[in-house]
Amino acid sequence: MDSIIIEIRAGTGGEEAAIFAADLFKMYSKYATFQGWKQKILDSRPTSLGGFKQIIFEFQNENVFDLLKYEGGVHRVQRIPKTEKSGRIHTSTVTVAVLPKPKSTEIKIRPDELKIDFYRSSGPGGQYVNKRETAVRITHLPTGLVVTSQTERNQLQNKENALSILAARLLEKKMEEEQSKIGSERKAQVGWAKRCEKIRTYNFPQDRVTDHRIQKSWHNIEGIINGNLEPIIDSLQSL
């Protein structure tokens, strides 16, 4: 059984970017539900208007990485935000990272390499504030990587979630280092997009989603946001 960890982060665009991050989470979550995958939220930073500054979640299934490995990169949205009074179309961005969850033999994390802090979890407006210190922050001392988790109500589960995120990021770092040695061969492929590469635009006024890597567009944007990702995924898989 394979697992992946997906990180969605709001980029440029303020609250509208956070709302679109929530839209993308809904898109992937509904697609996972249609596929019958197990899913679990590992960490989130919700906003007061229903968006996410960041949300990290895990999918589990036999072929989950093969289906979603091309989703990593910058996703751009063009639409009139709910908060926009003059009717102007805004452009916002969200970053998606798709990380394979390493098997226990792939990444070894030694306890003496970790600095673990516990603190009180929080949410927008204080409404989700937990009076106990259940949130976890883990710093990986050799690399300086910092991960957090505050979605669960106990320290142990949040610690396990944070360690899962850390292991996935360490594997990503290892794979990036290996790919950099390969050099220009990867540039000719769609492959994994770097976190800074714009891969797709969701244009709501024109009801169109465009993947810039393959120069192909699809209509029915509401259906796509509601989990109908098969046409896009099939096109990327067929390359």
C-alpha atoms as a PDB file:
ATOM      1  CA  MET A   1       0.000   0.000   0.000  1.00  0.00           C
ATOM      2  CA  ASP A   2       1.547   3.308  -1.122  1.00  0.00           C
ATOM      3  CA  SER A   3       1.006   6.662   0.569  1.00  0.00           C
ATOM      4  CA  ILE A   4       1.592  10.229  -0.535  1.00  0.00           C
ATOM      5  CA  ILE A   5       1.574  13.477   1.377  1.00  0.00           C
ATOM      6  CA  ILE A   6       0.190  16.552  -0.386  1.00  0.00           C
ATOM      7  CA  GLU A   7       1.015  20.040   0.845  1.00  0.00           C
ATOM      8  CA  ILE A   8      -1.126  22.939  -0.366  1.00  0.00           C
ATOM      9  CA  ARG A   9       0.007  26.475   0.482  1.00  0.00           C
ATOM     10  CA  ALA A  10      -1.610  29.801  -0.334  1.00  0.00           C
ATOM     11  CA  GLY A  11       0.716  31.945  -2.434  1.00  0.00           C
ATOM     12  CA  THR A  12       0.139  35.436  -3.808  1.00  0.00           C
ATOM     13  CA  GLY A  13      -3.370  36.828  -3.507  1.00  0.00           C
ATOM     14  CA  GLY A  14      -4.056  37.075   0.217  1.00  0.00           C
ATOM     15  CA  GLU A  15      -7.381  35.674   1.391  1.00  0.00           C
ATOM     16  CA  GLU A  16      -8.430  34.716  -2.139  1.00  0.00           C
ATOM     17  CA  ALA A  17      -5.350  32.491  -2.412  1.00  0.00           C
ATOM     18  CA  ALA A  18      -6.290  30.859   0.909  1.00  0.00           C
ATOM     19  CA  ILE A  19      -9.847  30.242  -0.343  1.00  0.00           C
ATOM     20  CA  PHE A  20      -8.480  28.697  -3.535  1.00  0.00           C
ATOM     21  CA  ALA A  21      -6.194  26.482  -1.423  1.00  0.00           C
ATOM     22  CA  ALA A  22      -9.377  25.197   0.230  1.00  0.00           C
ATOM     23  CA  ASP A  23     -10.910  24.646  -3.225  1.00  0.00           C
ATOM     24  CA  LEU A  24      -7.935  22.564  -4.310  1.00  0.00           C
ATOM     25  CA  PHE A  25      -8.076  20.538  -1.110  1.00  0.00           C
ATOM     26  CA  LYS A  26     -11.756  19.838  -1.842  1.00  0.00           C
ATOM     27  CA  MET A  27     -10.864  18.853  -5.408  1.00  0.00           C
ATOM     28  CA  TYR A  28      -8.246  16.313  -4.344  1.00  0.00           C
ATOM     29  CA  SER A  29     -10.285  15.042  -1.391  1.00  0.00           C
ATOM     30  CA  LYS A  30     -13.356  14.404  -3.544  1.00  0.00           C
ATOM     31  CA  TYR A  31     -11.238  12.724  -6.217  1.00  0.00           C
ATOM     32  CA  ALA A  32      -9.761  10.490  -3.494  1.00  0.00           C
ATOM     33  CA  THR A  33     -13.267   9.672  -2.241  1.00  0.00           C
ATOM     34  CA  PHE A  34     -14.355   8.692  -5.771  1.00  0.00           C
ATOM     35  CA  GLN A  35     -11.278   6.443  -5.987  1.00  0.00           C
ATOM     36  CA  GLY A  36     -11.973   4.842  -2.600  1.00  0.00           C
ATOM     37  CA  TRP A  37      -8.659   5.998  -1.110  1.00  0.00           C
ATOM     38  CA  LYS A  38      -7.940   6.396   2.577  1.00  0.00           C
ATOM     39  CA  GLN A  39      -7.291  10.025   3.483  1.00  0.00           C
ATOM     40  CA  LYS A  40      -6.133  11.886   6.555  1.00  0.00           C
ATOM     41  CA  ILE A  41      -5.379  15.541   7.364  1.00  0.00           C
ATOM     42  CA  LEU A  42      -1.937  15.888   8.986  1.00  0.00           C
ATOM     43  CA  ASP A  43      -1.833  19.650   9.576  1.00  0.00           C
ATOM     44  CA  SER A  44      -3.767  22.763   8.601  1.00  0.00           C
ATOM     45  CA  ARG A  45      -3.781  26.530   9.065  1.00  0.00           C
ATOM     46  CA  PRO A  46      -7.384  27.652   8.449  1.00  0.00           C
ATOM     47  CA  THR A  47      -8.424  31.265   7.908  1.00  0.00           C
ATOM     48  CA  SER A  48     -11.512  33.074   9.171  1.00  0.00           C
ATOM     49  CA  LEU A  49     -13.172  33.058   5.715  1.00  0.00           C
ATOM     50  CA  GLY A  50     -12.963  29.304   5.222  1.00  0.00           C
ATOM     51  CA  GLY A  51      -9.642  29.152   3.423  1.00  0.00           C
ATOM     52  CA  PHE A  52      -6.303  27.606   4.318  1.00  0.00           C
ATOM     53  CA  LYS A  53      -2.927  29.295   4.574  1.00  0.00           C
ATOM     54  CA  GLN A  54      -1.649  25.730   4.488  1.00  0.00           C
ATOM     55  CA  ILE A  55      -3.104  22.236   4.582  1.00  0.00           C
ATOM     56  CA  ILE A  56      -1.155  18.966   4.545  1.00  0.00           C
ATOM     57  CA  PHE A  57      -2.884  15.626   4.057  1.00  0.00           C
ATOM     58  CA  GLU A  58      -2.173  11.995   3.248  1.00  0.00           C
ATOM     59  CA  PHE A  59      -3.715   9.627   0.693  1.00  0.00           C
ATOM     60  CA  GLN A  60      -3.221   5.877   0.790  1.00  0.00           C
ATOM     61  CA  ASN A  61      -3.772   3.473  -2.097  1.00  0.00           C
ATOM     62  CA  GLU A  62      -1.883   1.097  -4.390  1.00  0.00           C
ATOM     63  CA  ASN A  63      -1.362   3.517  -7.296  1.00  0.00           C
ATOM     64  CA  VAL A  64      -1.861   6.871  -5.587  1.00  0.00           C
ATOM     65  CA  PHE A  65       1.544   8.371  -6.441  1.00  0.00           C
ATOM     66  CA  ASP A  66       1.373   7.360 -10.105  1.00  0.00           C
ATOM     67  CA  LEU A  67      -1.972   9.122 -10.493  1.00  0.00           C
ATOM     68  CA  LEU A  68      -1.131  12.373  -8.689  1.00  0.00           C
ATOM     69  CA  LYS A  69       2.612  12.801  -9.195  1.00  0.00           C
ATOM     70  CA  TYR A  70       2.083  15.470 -11.864  1.00  0.00           C
ATOM     71  CA  GLU A  71      -0.009  17.744  -9.605  1.00  0.00           C
ATOM     72  CA  GLY A  72       2.991  19.390  -7.943  1.00  0.00           C
ATOM     73  CA  GLY A  73       3.749  23.013  -8.822  1.00  0.00           C
ATOM     74  CA  VAL A  74       2.054  26.409  -8.868  1.00  0.00           C
ATOM     75  CA  HIS A  75      -1.696  26.442  -9.572  1.00  0.00           C
ATOM     76  CA  ARG A  76      -3.073  29.821 -10.670  1.00  0.00           C
ATOM     77  CA  VAL A  77      -6.695  30.949 -10.340  1.00  0.00           C
ATOM     78  CA  GLN A  78      -8.388  33.821 -12.178  1.00  0.00           C
ATOM     79  CA  ARG A  79     -11.825  34.861 -10.892  1.00  0.00           C
ATOM     80  CA  ILE A  80     -13.799  37.546  -9.113  1.00  0.00           C
ATOM     81  CA  PRO A  81     -13.275  36.923  -5.385  1.00  0.00           C
ATOM     82  CA  LYS A  82     -16.234  36.890  -3.022  1.00  0.00           C
ATOM     83  CA  THR A  83     -14.503  39.713  -1.168  1.00  0.00           C
ATOM     84  CA  GLU A  84     -14.222  41.870  -4.333  1.00  0.00           C
ATOM     85  CA  LYS A  85     -16.875  44.617  -4.456  1.00  0.00           C
ATOM     86  CA  SER A  86     -15.966  46.222  -7.782  1.00  0.00           C
ATOM     87  CA  GLY A  87     -16.242  43.033  -9.823  1.00  0.00           C
ATOM     88  CA  ARG A  88     -12.588  42.930 -10.873  1.00  0.00           C
ATOM     89  CA  ILE A  89     -10.992  39.615 -11.793  1.00  0.00           C
ATOM     90  CA  HIS A  90      -8.097  38.739  -9.503  1.00  0.00           C
ATOM     91  CA  THR A  91      -5.190  36.386 -10.141  1.00  0.00           C
ATOM     92  CA  SER A  92      -3.955  34.342  -7.185  1.00  0.00           C
ATOM     93  CA  THR A  93      -1.611  31.407  -6.807  1.00  0.00           C
ATOM     94  CA  VAL A  94      -1.384  28.295  -4.685  1.00  0.00           C
ATOM     95  CA  THR A  95       1.560  25.909  -4.397  1.00  0.00           C
ATOM     96  CA  VAL A  96       1.012  22.141  -4.387  1.00  0.00           C
ATOM     97  CA  ALA A  97       3.706  19.633  -3.443  1.00  0.00           C
ATOM     98  CA  VAL A  98       3.159  15.884  -3.907  1.00  0.00           C
ATOM     99  CA  LEU A  99       5.537  13.855  -1.762  1.00  0.00           C
ATOM    100  CA  PRO A 100       5.764  10.064  -1.673  1.00  0.00           C
ATOM    101  CA  LYS A 101       5.656   8.867   1.918  1.00  0.00           C
ATOM    102  CA  PRO A 102       8.878   6.926   2.440  1.00  0.00           C
ATOM    103  CA  LYS A 103       8.907   3.364   3.646  1.00  0.00           C
ATOM    104  CA  SER A 104      10.672   2.793   6.943  1.00  0.00           C
ATOM    105  CA  THR A 105      13.792   1.525   5.180  1.00  0.00           C
ATOM    106  CA  GLU A 106      14.160   4.585   2.902  1.00  0.00           C
ATOM    107  CA  ILE A 107      14.599   7.358   5.477  1.00  0.00           C
ATOM    108  CA  LYS A 108      16.107   6.916   8.927  1.00  0.00           C
ATOM    109  CA  ILE A 109      15.401   9.670  11.465  1.00  0.00           C
ATOM    110  CA  ARG A 110      17.404   9.449  14.652  1.00  0.00           C
ATOM    111  CA  PRO A 111      15.800  10.767  17.868  1.00  0.00           C
ATOM    112  CA  ASP A 112      18.953  12.719  18.747  1.00  0.00           C
ATOM    113  CA  GLU A 113      18.579  14.682  15.476  1.00  0.00           C
ATOM    114  CA  LEU A 114      15.225  16.121  16.548  1.00  0.00           C
ATOM    115  CA  LYS A 115      14.208  19.130  18.633  1.00  0.00           C
ATOM    116  CA  ILE A 116      10.566  18.662  19.658  1.00  0.00           C
ATOM    117  CA  ASP A 117       8.414  21.474  21.066  1.00  0.00           C
ATOM    118  CA  PHE A 118       4.798  21.318  22.231  1.00  0.00           C
ATOM    119  CA  TYR A 119       2.486  24.326  22.185  1.00  0.00           C
ATOM    120  CA  ARG A 120      -1.190  25.229  22.163  1.00  0.00           C
ATOM    121  CA  SER A 121      -2.978  24.792  18.866  1.00  0.00           C
ATOM    122  CA  SER A 122      -4.873  27.749  17.470  1.00  0.00           C
ATOM    123  CA  GLY A 123      -7.343  28.666  14.771  1.00  0.00           C
ATOM    124  CA  PRO A 124      -8.974  31.739  13.223  1.00  0.00           C
ATOM    125  CA  GLY A 125     -10.354  34.112  15.800  1.00  0.00           C
ATOM    126  CA  GLY A 126      -9.272  31.819  18.591  1.00  0.00           C
ATOM    127  CA  GLN A 127     -12.296  29.603  18.115  1.00  0.00           C
ATOM    128  CA  TYR A 128     -10.227  26.424  17.874  1.00  0.00           C
ATOM    129  CA  VAL A 129      -7.738  27.287  20.579  1.00  0.00           C
ATOM    130  CA  ASN A 130      -6.843  24.280  22.684  1.00  0.00           C
ATOM    131  CA  LYS A 131      -6.026  24.979  26.314  1.00  0.00           C
ATOM    132  CA  ARG A 132      -3.595  22.045  26.425  1.00  0.00           C
ATOM    133  CA  GLU A 133      -0.265  21.981  24.621  1.00  0.00           C
ATOM    134  CA  THR A 134      -1.136  19.334  22.023  1.00  0.00           C
ATOM    135  CA  ALA A 135       0.360  20.965  18.919  1.00  0.00           C
ATOM    136  CA  VAL A 136       3.827  19.722  17.930  1.00  0.00           C
ATOM    137  CA  ARG A 137       6.757  21.419  16.231  1.00  0.00           C
ATOM    138  CA  ILE A 138       9.703  19.253  15.182  1.00  0.00           C
ATOM    139  CA  THR A 139      13.028  20.672  14.002  1.00  0.00           C
ATOM    140  CA  HIS A 140      15.366  18.324  12.135  1.00  0.00           C
ATOM    141  CA  LEU A 141      18.731  19.612  13.323  1.00  0.00           C
ATOM    142  CA  PRO A 142      20.971  18.295  10.483  1.00  0.00           C
ATOM    143  CA  THR A 143      18.889  19.994   7.755  1.00  0.00           C
ATOM    144  CA  GLY A 144      17.034  22.750   9.627  1.00  0.00           C
ATOM    145  CA  LEU A 145      13.679  21.479   8.326  1.00  0.00           C
ATOM    146  CA  VAL A 146      10.769  22.433  10.597  1.00  0.00           C
ATOM    147  CA  VAL A 147       7.383  20.662  10.547  1.00  0.00           C
ATOM    148  CA  THR A 148       4.274  21.084  12.671  1.00  0.00           C
ATOM    149  CA  SER A 149       0.968  19.355  13.350  1.00  0.00           C
ATOM    150  CA  GLN A 150      -1.999  20.522  15.384  1.00  0.00           C
ATOM    151  CA  THR A 151      -5.014  18.739  13.913  1.00  0.00           C
ATOM    152  CA  GLU A 152      -5.358  16.033  16.568  1.00  0.00           C
ATOM    153  CA  ARG A 153      -6.270  16.444  20.226  1.00  0.00           C
ATOM    154  CA  ASN A 154      -3.312  14.567  21.641  1.00  0.00           C
ATOM    155  CA  GLN A 155       0.438  15.081  21.484  1.00  0.00           C
ATOM    156  CA  LEU A 156       1.301  11.555  20.374  1.00  0.00           C
ATOM    157  CA  GLN A 157      -0.882  11.609  17.250  1.00  0.00           C
ATOM    158  CA  ASN A 158       0.301  15.093  16.288  1.00  0.00           C
ATOM    159  CA  LYS A 159       3.896  13.961  16.775  1.00  0.00           C
ATOM    160  CA  GLU A 160       3.313  10.963  14.481  1.00  0.00           C
ATOM    161  CA  ASN A 161       1.736  13.250  11.878  1.00  0.00           C
ATOM    162  CA  ALA A 162       4.664  15.679  12.050  1.00  0.00           C
ATOM    163  CA  LEU A 163       7.180  12.842  11.723  1.00  0.00           C
ATOM    164  CA  SER A 164       5.339  11.618   8.613  1.00  0.00           C
ATOM    165  CA  ILE A 165       5.604  15.081   7.061  1.00  0.00           C
ATOM    166  CA  LEU A 166       9.288  15.323   8.004  1.00  0.00           C
ATOM    167  CA  ALA A 167      10.123  11.917   6.504  1.00  0.00           C
ATOM    168  CA  ALA A 168       8.368  12.862   3.240  1.00  0.00           C
ATOM    169  CA  ARG A 169      10.272  16.155   3.017  1.00  0.00           C
ATOM    170  CA  LEU A 170      13.574  14.442   3.712  1.00  0.00           C
ATOM    171  CA  LEU A 171      12.850  11.947   0.918  1.00  0.00           C
ATOM    172  CA  GLU A 172      11.946  14.841  -1.402  1.00  0.00           C
ATOM    173  CA  LYS A 173      15.243  16.533  -0.544  1.00  0.00           C
ATOM    174  CA  LYS A 174      17.141  13.313  -1.218  1.00  0.00           C
ATOM    175  CA  MET A 175      15.393  12.807  -4.577  1.00  0.00           C
ATOM    176  CA  GLU A 176      16.028  16.423  -5.613  1.00  0.00           C
ATOM    177  CA  GLU A 177      19.720  15.997  -4.875  1.00  0.00           C
ATOM    178  CA  GLU A 178      19.797  12.815  -6.943  1.00  0.00           C
ATOM    179  CA  GLN A 179      17.924  14.486  -9.821  1.00  0.00           C
ATOM    180  CA  SER A 180      20.296  17.451  -9.831  1.00  0.00           C
ATOM    181  CA  LYS A 181      23.130  15.013 -10.522  1.00  0.00           C
ATOM    182  CA  ILE A 182      21.279  13.678 -13.563  1.00  0.00           C
ATOM    183  CA  GLY A 183      21.238  17.193 -15.012  1.00  0.00           C
ATOM    184  CA  SER A 184      19.324  18.293 -18.085  1.00  0.00           C
ATOM    185  CA  GLU A 185      17.701  14.944 -18.902  1.00  0.00           C
ATOM    186  CA  ARG A 186      14.746  15.761 -16.636  1.00  0.00           C
ATOM    187  CA  LYS A 187      14.077  19.131 -18.290  1.00  0.00           C
ATOM    188  CA  ALA A 188      12.602  17.478 -21.379  1.00  0.00           C
ATOM    189  CA  GLN A 189      10.008  15.616 -19.331  1.00  0.00           C
ATOM    190  CA  VAL A 190       6.816  16.756 -17.607  1.00  0.00           C
ATOM    191  CA  GLY A 191       7.942  14.926 -14.489  1.00  0.00           C
ATOM    192  CA  TRP A 192       7.725  16.557 -11.112  1.00  0.00           C
ATOM    193  CA  ALA A 193       7.348  20.289 -11.339  1.00  0.00           C
ATOM    194  CA  LYS A 194       9.441  22.295  -8.947  1.00  0.00           C
ATOM    195  CA  ARG A 195       7.437  24.107  -6.323  1.00  0.00           C
ATOM    196  CA  CYS A 196       7.991  27.410  -8.154  1.00  0.00           C
ATOM    197  CA  GLU A 197       6.878  26.238 -11.627  1.00  0.00           C
ATOM    198  CA  LYS A 198       3.448  27.343 -12.842  1.00  0.00           C
ATOM    199  CA  ILE A 199       1.700  24.248 -14.151  1.00  0.00           C
ATOM    200  CA  ARG A 200      -2.007  25.065 -14.401  1.00  0.00           C
ATOM    201  CA  THR A 201      -4.510  27.938 -14.599  1.00  0.00           C
ATOM    202  CA  TYR A 202      -8.134  27.793 -13.453  1.00  0.00           C
ATOM    203  CA  ASN A 203      -9.979  30.572 -15.314  1.00  0.00           C
ATOM    204  CA  PHE A 204     -13.473  30.821 -13.835  1.00  0.00           C
ATOM    205  CA  PRO A 205     -14.900  33.580 -16.108  1.00  0.00           C
ATOM    206  CA  GLN A 206     -14.042  31.451 -19.167  1.00  0.00           C
ATOM    207  CA  ASP A 207     -14.959  28.143 -17.447  1.00  0.00           C
ATOM    208  CA  ARG A 208     -11.589  26.731 -18.454  1.00  0.00           C
ATOM    209  CA  VAL A 209      -8.734  24.837 -16.845  1.00  0.00           C
ATOM    210  CA  THR A 210      -5.434  24.865 -18.772  1.00  0.00           C
ATOM    211  CA  ASP A 211      -2.377  22.729 -18.084  1.00  0.00           C
ATOM    212  CA  HIS A 212       0.567  24.735 -19.403  1.00  0.00           C
ATOM    213  CA  ARG A 213       2.954  21.787 -19.639  1.00  0.00           C
ATOM    214  CA  ILE A 214       0.906  20.009 -22.283  1.00  0.00           C
ATOM    215  CA  GLN A 215      -0.925  23.097 -23.653  1.00  0.00           C
ATOM    216  CA  LYS A 216      -4.322  21.511 -23.185  1.00  0.00           C
ATOM    217  CA  SER A 217      -7.576  22.940 -21.766  1.00  0.00           C
ATOM    218  CA  TRP A 218     -10.789  21.542 -20.312  1.00  0.00           C
ATOM    219  CA  HIS A 219     -14.149  23.128 -19.569  1.00  0.00           C
ATOM    220  CA  ASN A 220     -16.608  22.479 -16.695  1.00  0.00           C
ATOM    221  CA  ILE A 221     -14.405  24.029 -14.040  1.00  0.00           C
ATOM    222  CA  GLU A 222     -16.981  23.422 -11.288  1.00  0.00           C
ATOM    223  CA  GLY A 223     -16.981  19.717 -12.077  1.00  0.00           C
ATOM    224  CA  ILE A 224     -13.195  19.619 -11.923  1.00  0.00           C
ATOM    225  CA  ILE A 225     -13.116  21.424  -8.552  1.00  0.00           C
ATOM    226  CA  ASN A 226     -15.684  18.871  -7.368  1.00  0.00           C
ATOM    227  CA  GLY A 227     -13.263  16.022  -8.017  1.00  0.00           C
ATOM    228  CA  ASN A 228     -13.704  15.200 -11.714  1.00  0.00           C
ATOM    229  CA  LEU A 229      -9.970  15.081 -12.363  1.00  0.00           C
ATOM    230  CA  GLU A 230      -9.916  12.020 -14.622  1.00  0.00           C
ATOM    231  CA  PRO A 231      -9.647  13.904 -17.952  1.00  0.00           C
ATOM    232  CA  ILE A 232      -6.660  15.919 -16.731  1.00  0.00           C
ATOM    233  CA  ILE A 233      -4.917  13.006 -15.046  1.00  0.00           C
ATOM    234  CA  ASP A 234      -5.501  10.733 -18.054  1.00  0.00           C
ATOM    235  CA  SER A 235      -3.959  13.322 -20.407  1.00  0.00           C
ATOM    236  CA  LEU A 236      -0.874  13.655 -18.224  1.00  0.00           C
ATOM    237  CA  GLN A 237      -0.556   9.895 -17.806  1.00  0.00           C
ATOM    238  CA  SER A 238      -0.650   9.301 -21.557  1.00  0.00           C
ATOM    239  CA  LEU A 239       2.507  11.293 -22.240  1.00  0.00           C
END
